[in-house]
Structures are given as structure tokens and as C-alpha cells.
Amino acid sequence: TTVGSESVVTGLVSPLYVTGPRGDARLFVIEQRGTIRIVKDGQLVTAPFLDLSDNSGGPVLATGNEQGLLGLAFAPDYAQSGKFYVNYTRRVAGQLQTVISRFRVQSPPLGVADDSSEQILLTIDQPYSNHNGGQLAFGPDGHLYIAMGDGGSAGEPQGNGQNLNSLLGKV
């Protein structure tokens, strides 16, 4: 068996994940530095769909290592509601946090994100800078599932994965 690769688009910086809303031919690519980029008809769209990077004026992301913009999921009714969800890390008063937020697009379904529409749904303090998880997905039941890492460090010293009182190490 031969394994190969094919370049789809160039110009991305630290891409982590690609997805798209149902029924939409565009690809949405998460860049760890805090941007969501669109690939349309095989071309990278110049303006980002959403920019949460440090120069955007929005939340200041904690990036690098296993931090940054880590997850994206479009609501099942995105074409009508324009709602989508992101998972990112930030620092508040020195404390690293995972943030789950909902945004809307200005004109669904083809508009760009309205960065002022952010509604923070959940914040989770992170004890270390790694093992943050980040995946978001809607299940067939219509619920949003959030995959959280165990909180980090070698050997998972805090035992978060087995601690029912912690959201770390859980879905």
C-alpha cells in the first residue's frame, strides 16, 4: 500500500483542524494562533472568517505548545441561525483557562463571523499548559460535545481523568 499526500491550499499558519457546516462546500480551517480561515473553490480566502488572535482586539489567546484556538463546531441549524462554537485557551490574571464560546455570523449562512457576538458558555481553569483537548462536535442528538484534556503535566499528577468533580479528562 502506498500512502501519499496532496497539497490542497498554501498560506496557512499552524493549521489544526478542518471542518464545515452541513451543505456548505467551503472548508473552514482552524489556525492555532487564533484565526479561522476559509478555503473556497480551492483558494484560501484572504480575510479570516474569525480572528481571535492577539491583534484582533478580542480575547487574548494563550498560544503555543498545546494552547490556542483548538476547536470549532457549526450548529446543526447553522444555515438558519448562523451559530458556531469555538474552544480556545486564554490567560486571566495569570490563570490559564479553556473557554467554550458561541458566535454568530452577520448574514447566515455565507457571512463572516461577528466577533462582537461572542457569548462565553463555559470556562475551565487549566493547571498546566498542555493536555488541553479542544475537539468540539455535535452528536446525532443535537447536543454539543466538548473533549477536555486531563489538565496536563507528565503522568497526570492531579488525577483529573478519574475525578468526577473535575471537568478535565472528560467529554
N, C-alpha and C. Protein backbone atom coordinates (compact mmCIF):
# COMPACT_ATOMS: atom_id res chain seq x y z
N THR A 1 0.83 -1.18 0.00
CA THR A 1 0.00 0.00 0.00
C THR A 1 0.88 1.24 0.00
N THR A 2 0.55 2.17 -0.85
CA THR A 2 1.29 3.42 -0.94
C THR A 2 0.46 4.53 -0.29
N VAL A 3 1.13 5.30 0.54
CA VAL A 3 0.49 6.44 1.19
C VAL A 3 1.06 7.70 0.55
N GLY A 4 0.20 8.64 0.24
CA GLY A 4 0.65 9.88 -0.37
C GLY A 4 -0.03 11.07 0.26
N SER A 5 0.38 12.22 -0.17
CA SER A 5 -0.26 13.45 0.30
C SER A 5 -0.40 14.40 -0.88
N GLU A 6 -1.37 15.27 -0.75
CA GLU A 6 -1.62 16.25 -1.80
C GLU A 6 -1.92 17.58 -1.14
N SER A 7 -1.24 18.61 -1.57
CA SER A 7 -1.48 19.95 -1.03
C SER A 7 -2.80 20.48 -1.58
N VAL A 8 -3.66 20.92 -0.66
CA VAL A 8 -4.95 21.48 -1.06
C VAL A 8 -4.86 22.99 -1.20
N VAL A 9 -4.14 23.62 -0.26
CA VAL A 9 -4.01 25.07 -0.26
C VAL A 9 -2.74 25.43 0.51
N THR A 10 -2.14 26.55 0.20
CA THR A 10 -0.97 27.04 0.93
C THR A 10 -1.32 28.36 1.59
N GLY A 11 -0.45 28.82 2.49
CA GLY A 11 -0.65 30.11 3.13
C GLY A 11 -1.21 30.03 4.54
N LEU A 12 -1.40 28.82 5.07
CA LEU A 12 -1.91 28.65 6.42
C LEU A 12 -0.76 28.61 7.41
N VAL A 13 -1.02 29.05 8.65
CA VAL A 13 -0.03 29.02 9.71
C VAL A 13 -0.56 28.15 10.84
N SER A 14 0.12 27.06 11.13
CA SER A 14 -0.25 26.12 12.20
C SER A 14 -1.71 25.68 12.12
N PRO A 15 -2.12 25.10 10.98
CA PRO A 15 -3.49 24.61 10.88
C PRO A 15 -3.67 23.39 11.78
N LEU A 16 -4.81 23.32 12.48
CA LEU A 16 -5.07 22.22 13.41
C LEU A 16 -6.25 21.34 13.01
N TYR A 17 -7.22 21.91 12.33
CA TYR A 17 -8.46 21.18 12.10
C TYR A 17 -9.18 21.80 10.92
N VAL A 18 -9.88 20.97 10.17
CA VAL A 18 -10.69 21.47 9.06
C VAL A 18 -12.08 20.87 9.18
N THR A 19 -13.09 21.68 8.94
CA THR A 19 -14.47 21.25 9.03
C THR A 19 -15.32 22.17 8.16
N GLY A 20 -16.60 22.00 8.22
CA GLY A 20 -17.51 22.89 7.51
C GLY A 20 -18.94 22.60 7.93
N PRO A 21 -19.82 23.57 7.77
CA PRO A 21 -21.23 23.34 8.10
C PRO A 21 -21.87 22.43 7.06
N ARG A 22 -22.92 21.75 7.49
CA ARG A 22 -23.65 20.87 6.58
C ARG A 22 -24.13 21.64 5.36
N GLY A 23 -23.95 21.01 4.20
CA GLY A 23 -24.46 21.60 2.97
C GLY A 23 -23.66 22.76 2.43
N ASP A 24 -22.49 23.02 2.97
CA ASP A 24 -21.65 24.15 2.56
C ASP A 24 -20.39 23.58 1.95
N ALA A 25 -20.04 23.97 0.74
CA ALA A 25 -18.87 23.43 0.04
C ALA A 25 -17.56 24.04 0.54
N ARG A 26 -17.62 25.11 1.32
CA ARG A 26 -16.40 25.74 1.82
C ARG A 26 -15.78 24.90 2.93
N LEU A 27 -14.45 25.00 3.06
CA LEU A 27 -13.73 24.39 4.16
C LEU A 27 -13.33 25.49 5.14
N PHE A 28 -13.46 25.21 6.42
CA PHE A 28 -13.08 26.15 7.47
C PHE A 28 -11.90 25.54 8.21
N VAL A 29 -10.78 26.25 8.22
CA VAL A 29 -9.55 25.74 8.80
C VAL A 29 -9.19 26.55 10.04
N ILE A 30 -9.00 25.84 11.15
CA ILE A 30 -8.56 26.49 12.39
C ILE A 30 -7.06 26.64 12.34
N GLU A 31 -6.57 27.85 12.61
CA GLU A 31 -5.15 28.08 12.82
C GLU A 31 -4.95 28.30 14.32
N GLN A 32 -3.99 27.60 14.89
CA GLN A 32 -3.76 27.63 16.33
C GLN A 32 -3.58 29.04 16.87
N ARG A 33 -3.04 29.94 16.07
CA ARG A 33 -2.77 31.31 16.52
C ARG A 33 -4.04 32.12 16.78
N GLY A 34 -5.22 31.56 16.37
CA GLY A 34 -6.47 32.24 16.71
C GLY A 34 -7.33 32.67 15.56
N THR A 35 -7.08 32.15 14.37
CA THR A 35 -7.90 32.53 13.23
C THR A 35 -8.60 31.31 12.64
N ILE A 36 -9.75 31.56 12.06
CA ILE A 36 -10.44 30.56 11.26
C ILE A 36 -10.43 31.08 9.84
N ARG A 37 -9.86 30.29 8.95
CA ARG A 37 -9.71 30.68 7.56
C ARG A 37 -10.66 29.85 6.70
N ILE A 38 -11.08 30.41 5.58
CA ILE A 38 -11.98 29.72 4.65
C ILE A 38 -11.21 29.36 3.38
N VAL A 39 -11.43 28.13 2.93
CA VAL A 39 -10.95 27.69 1.62
C VAL A 39 -12.20 27.53 0.75
N LYS A 40 -12.25 28.32 -0.32
CA LYS A 40 -13.41 28.31 -1.22
C LYS A 40 -12.92 28.06 -2.64
N ASP A 41 -13.50 27.06 -3.28
CA ASP A 41 -13.12 26.71 -4.66
C ASP A 41 -11.62 26.51 -4.79
N GLY A 42 -11.01 25.88 -3.77
CA GLY A 42 -9.59 25.56 -3.81
C GLY A 42 -8.66 26.73 -3.51
N GLN A 43 -9.22 27.87 -3.13
CA GLN A 43 -8.41 29.06 -2.85
C GLN A 43 -8.61 29.52 -1.41
N LEU A 44 -7.54 29.96 -0.79
CA LEU A 44 -7.62 30.50 0.56
C LEU A 44 -8.17 31.92 0.49
N VAL A 45 -9.29 32.16 1.17
CA VAL A 45 -9.89 33.49 1.21
C VAL A 45 -8.98 34.38 2.06
N THR A 46 -8.71 35.58 1.60
CA THR A 46 -7.76 36.47 2.26
C THR A 46 -8.19 36.85 3.67
N ALA A 47 -9.40 37.34 3.81
CA ALA A 47 -9.88 37.77 5.13
C ALA A 47 -10.30 36.56 5.96
N PRO A 48 -9.90 36.51 7.23
CA PRO A 48 -10.32 35.38 8.06
C PRO A 48 -11.82 35.43 8.35
N PHE A 49 -12.40 34.25 8.54
CA PHE A 49 -13.80 34.12 8.95
C PHE A 49 -13.96 34.66 10.37
N LEU A 50 -13.00 34.34 11.25
CA LEU A 50 -12.97 34.83 12.62
C LEU A 50 -11.52 35.04 13.01
N ASP A 51 -11.24 36.13 13.71
CA ASP A 51 -9.88 36.42 14.15
C ASP A 51 -9.89 36.69 15.65
N LEU A 52 -9.38 35.73 16.41
CA LEU A 52 -9.25 35.89 17.85
C LEU A 52 -7.79 36.07 18.26
N SER A 53 -6.93 36.33 17.28
CA SER A 53 -5.51 36.48 17.58
C SER A 53 -5.27 37.73 18.40
N ASP A 54 -4.10 37.86 18.97
CA ASP A 54 -3.77 38.97 19.85
C ASP A 54 -4.01 40.34 19.21
N ASN A 55 -3.89 40.43 17.89
CA ASN A 55 -4.05 41.74 17.24
C ASN A 55 -5.48 42.01 16.81
N SER A 56 -6.43 41.14 17.20
CA SER A 56 -7.81 41.31 16.73
C SER A 56 -8.62 42.27 17.61
N GLY A 57 -8.13 42.57 18.81
CA GLY A 57 -8.90 43.40 19.73
C GLY A 57 -9.87 42.59 20.56
N GLY A 58 -9.97 41.29 20.30
CA GLY A 58 -10.86 40.41 21.04
C GLY A 58 -10.13 39.79 22.22
N PRO A 59 -10.54 38.60 22.62
CA PRO A 59 -9.88 37.94 23.76
C PRO A 59 -8.41 37.67 23.42
N VAL A 60 -7.56 37.73 24.42
CA VAL A 60 -6.15 37.45 24.21
C VAL A 60 -5.93 35.96 24.44
N LEU A 61 -5.60 35.27 23.38
CA LEU A 61 -5.40 33.85 23.46
C LEU A 61 -4.05 33.52 24.09
N ALA A 62 -4.01 32.43 24.81
CA ALA A 62 -2.76 31.81 25.22
C ALA A 62 -2.44 30.82 24.10
N THR A 63 -1.32 31.00 23.42
CA THR A 63 -0.99 30.15 22.27
C THR A 63 0.34 29.46 22.50
N GLY A 64 0.64 28.54 21.61
CA GLY A 64 1.87 27.77 21.69
C GLY A 64 1.63 26.47 22.41
N ASN A 65 2.63 25.57 22.33
CA ASN A 65 2.52 24.27 22.96
C ASN A 65 1.18 23.65 22.55
N GLU A 66 0.32 23.31 23.46
CA GLU A 66 -0.98 22.73 23.16
C GLU A 66 -2.10 23.71 23.50
N GLN A 67 -1.85 24.98 23.19
CA GLN A 67 -2.79 26.05 23.50
C GLN A 67 -3.14 26.81 22.23
N GLY A 68 -4.18 27.64 22.31
CA GLY A 68 -4.59 28.46 21.18
C GLY A 68 -6.04 28.20 20.84
N LEU A 69 -6.39 28.44 19.58
CA LEU A 69 -7.72 28.11 19.08
C LEU A 69 -7.68 26.63 18.73
N LEU A 70 -8.49 25.83 19.41
CA LEU A 70 -8.34 24.38 19.34
C LEU A 70 -9.54 23.64 18.76
N GLY A 71 -10.70 24.24 18.74
CA GLY A 71 -11.88 23.52 18.27
C GLY A 71 -12.91 24.42 17.62
N LEU A 72 -13.70 23.84 16.73
CA LEU A 72 -14.75 24.55 16.00
C LEU A 72 -15.86 23.57 15.66
N ALA A 73 -17.09 23.96 15.93
CA ALA A 73 -18.26 23.16 15.53
C ALA A 73 -19.37 24.11 15.10
N PHE A 74 -19.99 23.78 13.98
CA PHE A 74 -21.12 24.56 13.49
C PHE A 74 -22.41 23.94 14.03
N ALA A 75 -23.33 24.78 14.48
CA ALA A 75 -24.62 24.29 14.97
C ALA A 75 -25.32 23.53 13.85
N PRO A 76 -26.09 22.51 14.20
CA PRO A 76 -26.83 21.77 13.17
C PRO A 76 -27.73 22.66 12.32
N ASP A 77 -28.23 23.75 12.90
CA ASP A 77 -29.09 24.67 12.15
C ASP A 77 -28.33 25.92 11.70
N TYR A 78 -27.02 25.79 11.49
CA TYR A 78 -26.16 26.93 11.14
C TYR A 78 -26.70 27.75 9.96
N ALA A 79 -27.21 27.09 8.95
CA ALA A 79 -27.70 27.81 7.75
C ALA A 79 -28.77 28.83 8.10
N GLN A 80 -29.56 28.56 9.16
CA GLN A 80 -30.59 29.50 9.58
C GLN A 80 -30.12 30.39 10.73
N SER A 81 -29.46 29.80 11.72
CA SER A 81 -29.11 30.54 12.94
C SER A 81 -27.79 31.28 12.85
N GLY A 82 -26.87 30.78 12.03
CA GLY A 82 -25.54 31.37 11.95
C GLY A 82 -24.69 31.12 13.18
N LYS A 83 -25.07 30.17 14.02
CA LYS A 83 -24.34 29.91 15.27
C LYS A 83 -23.23 28.89 15.05
N PHE A 84 -22.08 29.19 15.66
CA PHE A 84 -20.98 28.24 15.69
C PHE A 84 -20.25 28.38 17.02
N TYR A 85 -19.49 27.37 17.37
CA TYR A 85 -18.87 27.27 18.70
C TYR A 85 -17.38 27.06 18.55
N VAL A 86 -16.61 27.67 19.45
CA VAL A 86 -15.16 27.51 19.43
C VAL A 86 -14.65 27.14 20.81
N ASN A 87 -13.48 26.53 20.82
CA ASN A 87 -12.77 26.16 22.04
C ASN A 87 -11.39 26.81 21.92
N TYR A 88 -11.04 27.66 22.89
CA TYR A 88 -9.72 28.30 22.87
C TYR A 88 -9.20 28.42 24.29
N THR A 89 -7.90 28.71 24.39
CA THR A 89 -7.28 28.95 25.69
C THR A 89 -6.92 30.42 25.83
N ARG A 90 -6.99 30.90 27.07
CA ARG A 90 -6.62 32.28 27.37
C ARG A 90 -6.03 32.31 28.78
N ARG A 91 -5.43 33.43 29.11
CA ARG A 91 -4.94 33.67 30.47
C ARG A 91 -5.69 34.86 31.05
N VAL A 92 -6.20 34.69 32.28
CA VAL A 92 -6.85 35.76 33.01
C VAL A 92 -6.16 35.84 34.36
N ALA A 93 -5.55 36.99 34.63
CA ALA A 93 -4.79 37.20 35.87
C ALA A 93 -3.81 36.05 36.11
N GLY A 94 -3.15 35.61 35.03
CA GLY A 94 -2.15 34.57 35.12
C GLY A 94 -2.69 33.15 35.07
N GLN A 95 -3.99 32.97 35.20
CA GLN A 95 -4.60 31.64 35.21
C GLN A 95 -4.96 31.21 33.79
N LEU A 96 -4.41 30.08 33.35
CA LEU A 96 -4.76 29.51 32.06
C LEU A 96 -6.16 28.92 32.14
N GLN A 97 -6.96 29.21 31.11
CA GLN A 97 -8.33 28.72 31.06
C GLN A 97 -8.65 28.19 29.67
N THR A 98 -9.52 27.18 29.62
CA THR A 98 -10.18 26.79 28.39
C THR A 98 -11.50 27.54 28.35
N VAL A 99 -11.84 28.08 27.18
CA VAL A 99 -13.08 28.83 27.00
C VAL A 99 -13.88 28.17 25.88
N ILE A 100 -15.15 27.94 26.14
CA ILE A 100 -16.09 27.48 25.12
C ILE A 100 -17.04 28.64 24.87
N SER A 101 -17.06 29.13 23.63
CA SER A 101 -17.87 30.29 23.27
C SER A 101 -18.73 30.01 22.05
N ARG A 102 -19.83 30.75 22.00
CA ARG A 102 -20.71 30.72 20.82
C ARG A 102 -20.60 32.07 20.12
N PHE A 103 -20.53 32.02 18.81
CA PHE A 103 -20.53 33.22 17.96
C PHE A 103 -21.64 33.07 16.94
N ARG A 104 -21.92 34.17 16.24
CA ARG A 104 -22.87 34.16 15.13
C ARG A 104 -22.22 34.84 13.93
N VAL A 105 -22.70 34.47 12.76
CA VAL A 105 -22.28 35.17 11.55
C VAL A 105 -23.24 36.33 11.32
N GLN A 106 -22.78 37.32 10.59
CA GLN A 106 -23.60 38.51 10.36
C GLN A 106 -24.77 38.23 9.44
N SER A 107 -24.56 37.43 8.41
CA SER A 107 -25.63 37.11 7.45
C SER A 107 -25.55 35.63 7.10
N PRO A 108 -26.24 34.76 7.88
CA PRO A 108 -26.12 33.33 7.61
C PRO A 108 -26.67 32.99 6.23
N PRO A 109 -26.15 31.96 5.59
CA PRO A 109 -25.03 31.17 6.06
C PRO A 109 -23.69 31.62 5.51
N LEU A 110 -23.65 32.59 4.61
CA LEU A 110 -22.40 32.91 3.91
C LEU A 110 -21.64 34.11 4.48
N GLY A 111 -22.14 34.73 5.52
CA GLY A 111 -21.47 35.89 6.09
C GLY A 111 -20.21 35.53 6.85
N VAL A 112 -19.54 36.55 7.36
CA VAL A 112 -18.38 36.33 8.21
C VAL A 112 -18.81 36.44 9.66
N ALA A 113 -18.00 35.93 10.54
CA ALA A 113 -18.32 35.93 11.96
C ALA A 113 -18.40 37.35 12.50
N ASP A 114 -19.34 37.56 13.38
CA ASP A 114 -19.46 38.81 14.12
C ASP A 114 -18.71 38.62 15.43
N ASP A 115 -17.47 39.12 15.49
CA ASP A 115 -16.65 38.86 16.67
C ASP A 115 -17.19 39.52 17.92
N SER A 116 -18.10 40.48 17.78
CA SER A 116 -18.71 41.10 18.97
C SER A 116 -19.87 40.27 19.51
N SER A 117 -20.22 39.18 18.81
CA SER A 117 -21.36 38.35 19.24
C SER A 117 -20.95 37.26 20.23
N GLU A 118 -19.69 37.24 20.63
CA GLU A 118 -19.22 36.15 21.50
C GLU A 118 -20.04 36.05 22.77
N GLN A 119 -20.48 34.83 23.05
CA GLN A 119 -21.13 34.52 24.32
C GLN A 119 -20.35 33.37 24.93
N ILE A 120 -19.66 33.66 26.03
CA ILE A 120 -18.89 32.63 26.72
C ILE A 120 -19.86 31.72 27.45
N LEU A 121 -19.78 30.43 27.15
CA LEU A 121 -20.68 29.45 27.74
C LEU A 121 -20.05 28.71 28.91
N LEU A 122 -18.72 28.53 28.87
CA LEU A 122 -18.04 27.74 29.88
C LEU A 122 -16.58 28.13 29.93
N THR A 123 -16.04 28.26 31.13
CA THR A 123 -14.59 28.41 31.31
C THR A 123 -14.14 27.34 32.29
N ILE A 124 -12.98 26.78 32.02
CA ILE A 124 -12.42 25.73 32.86
C ILE A 124 -10.96 26.09 33.12
N ASP A 125 -10.60 26.24 34.38
CA ASP A 125 -9.21 26.51 34.72
C ASP A 125 -8.34 25.33 34.35
N GLN A 126 -7.17 25.61 33.80
CA GLN A 126 -6.20 24.59 33.41
C GLN A 126 -5.00 24.67 34.34
N PRO A 127 -4.59 23.56 34.96
CA PRO A 127 -3.45 23.61 35.88
C PRO A 127 -2.10 23.66 35.17
N TYR A 128 -2.01 23.16 33.93
CA TYR A 128 -0.76 23.15 33.18
C TYR A 128 -1.04 23.59 31.75
N SER A 129 0.03 23.84 30.99
CA SER A 129 -0.13 24.38 29.64
C SER A 129 -0.34 23.32 28.57
N ASN A 130 -0.34 22.05 28.94
CA ASN A 130 -0.54 21.01 27.93
C ASN A 130 -1.76 20.16 28.27
N HIS A 131 -2.09 19.25 27.38
CA HIS A 131 -3.24 18.34 27.53
C HIS A 131 -4.56 19.12 27.68
N ASN A 132 -4.75 20.10 26.80
CA ASN A 132 -5.95 20.92 26.87
C ASN A 132 -7.14 20.36 26.10
N GLY A 133 -6.93 19.33 25.29
CA GLY A 133 -8.04 18.81 24.47
C GLY A 133 -8.39 19.82 23.40
N GLY A 134 -9.66 20.01 23.13
CA GLY A 134 -10.07 21.04 22.19
C GLY A 134 -11.14 20.67 21.21
N GLN A 135 -11.39 19.39 20.98
CA GLN A 135 -12.37 18.99 19.97
C GLN A 135 -13.79 19.35 20.41
N LEU A 136 -14.56 19.86 19.48
CA LEU A 136 -15.98 20.13 19.66
C LEU A 136 -16.74 19.41 18.54
N ALA A 137 -17.89 18.85 18.86
CA ALA A 137 -18.71 18.21 17.83
C ALA A 137 -20.15 18.10 18.30
N PHE A 138 -21.06 18.21 17.36
CA PHE A 138 -22.46 17.97 17.65
C PHE A 138 -22.76 16.50 17.39
N GLY A 139 -23.42 15.88 18.34
CA GLY A 139 -23.82 14.49 18.19
C GLY A 139 -25.13 14.39 17.46
N PRO A 140 -25.55 13.15 17.12
CA PRO A 140 -26.82 12.95 16.44
C PRO A 140 -28.01 13.38 17.29
N ASP A 141 -27.78 13.55 18.60
CA ASP A 141 -28.84 14.02 19.49
C ASP A 141 -28.97 15.54 19.49
N GLY A 142 -28.10 16.23 18.70
CA GLY A 142 -28.14 17.69 18.63
C GLY A 142 -27.40 18.39 19.75
N HIS A 143 -26.78 17.64 20.65
CA HIS A 143 -26.04 18.22 21.77
C HIS A 143 -24.60 18.48 21.37
N LEU A 144 -24.01 19.54 21.95
CA LEU A 144 -22.61 19.88 21.72
C LEU A 144 -21.75 19.08 22.69
N TYR A 145 -20.79 18.36 22.14
CA TYR A 145 -19.85 17.58 22.95
C TYR A 145 -18.49 18.28 22.95
N ILE A 146 -17.90 18.34 24.15
CA ILE A 146 -16.62 19.03 24.36
C ILE A 146 -15.63 18.01 24.89
N ALA A 147 -14.52 17.82 24.19
CA ALA A 147 -13.48 16.89 24.64
C ALA A 147 -12.42 17.68 25.40
N MET A 148 -12.33 17.43 26.69
CA MET A 148 -11.36 18.14 27.53
C MET A 148 -10.18 17.22 27.82
N GLY A 149 -8.97 17.77 27.71
CA GLY A 149 -7.79 17.05 28.12
C GLY A 149 -7.76 16.93 29.64
N ASP A 150 -6.81 16.16 30.13
CA ASP A 150 -6.75 15.88 31.58
C ASP A 150 -6.13 17.00 32.40
N GLY A 151 -5.68 18.06 31.77
CA GLY A 151 -5.12 19.19 32.52
C GLY A 151 -3.61 19.25 32.49
N GLY A 152 -2.96 18.19 32.02
CA GLY A 152 -1.55 18.26 31.73
C GLY A 152 -0.59 17.74 32.75
N SER A 153 0.65 17.96 32.39
CA SER A 153 1.85 17.52 33.08
C SER A 153 2.04 16.02 32.84
N ALA A 154 3.25 15.58 33.05
CA ALA A 154 3.57 14.16 32.80
C ALA A 154 2.89 13.27 33.83
N GLY A 155 2.27 12.21 33.37
CA GLY A 155 1.67 11.24 34.27
C GLY A 155 0.37 11.67 34.92
N GLU A 156 -0.19 12.79 34.49
CA GLU A 156 -1.47 13.30 35.02
C GLU A 156 -1.49 13.30 36.55
N PRO A 157 -0.64 14.14 37.17
CA PRO A 157 -0.45 14.10 38.62
C PRO A 157 -1.68 14.46 39.45
N GLN A 158 -2.63 15.20 38.88
CA GLN A 158 -3.81 15.59 39.65
C GLN A 158 -4.94 14.57 39.58
N GLY A 159 -4.80 13.56 38.72
CA GLY A 159 -5.82 12.52 38.63
C GLY A 159 -7.16 13.01 38.13
N ASN A 160 -7.16 14.05 37.28
CA ASN A 160 -8.42 14.64 36.82
C ASN A 160 -9.29 13.68 36.02
N GLY A 161 -8.67 12.79 35.26
CA GLY A 161 -9.44 11.86 34.45
C GLY A 161 -10.34 10.95 35.28
N GLN A 162 -9.93 10.67 36.52
CA GLN A 162 -10.71 9.78 37.40
C GLN A 162 -11.51 10.54 38.44
N ASN A 163 -11.37 11.86 38.46
CA ASN A 163 -12.04 12.69 39.46
C ASN A 163 -13.39 13.16 38.91
N LEU A 164 -14.48 12.66 39.45
CA LEU A 164 -15.81 13.02 38.96
C LEU A 164 -16.19 14.47 39.28
N ASN A 165 -15.41 15.14 40.12
CA ASN A 165 -15.67 16.54 40.44
C ASN A 165 -14.91 17.49 39.53
N SER A 166 -14.16 16.98 38.56
CA SER A 166 -13.39 17.79 37.63
C SER A 166 -13.94 17.61 36.22
N LEU A 167 -13.99 18.70 35.45
CA LEU A 167 -14.38 18.62 34.04
C LEU A 167 -13.21 18.19 33.16
N LEU A 168 -11.99 18.23 33.71
CA LEU A 168 -10.80 17.85 32.95
C LEU A 168 -10.78 16.34 32.75
N GLY A 169 -10.32 15.92 31.57
CA GLY A 169 -10.27 14.50 31.25
C GLY A 169 -11.64 13.89 30.99
N LYS A 170 -12.56 14.70 30.50
CA LYS A 170 -13.94 14.25 30.29
C LYS A 170 -14.43 14.66 28.90
N VAL A 171 -15.54 14.07 28.48
CA VAL A 171 -16.28 14.52 27.29
C VAL A 171 -17.60 15.05 27.80
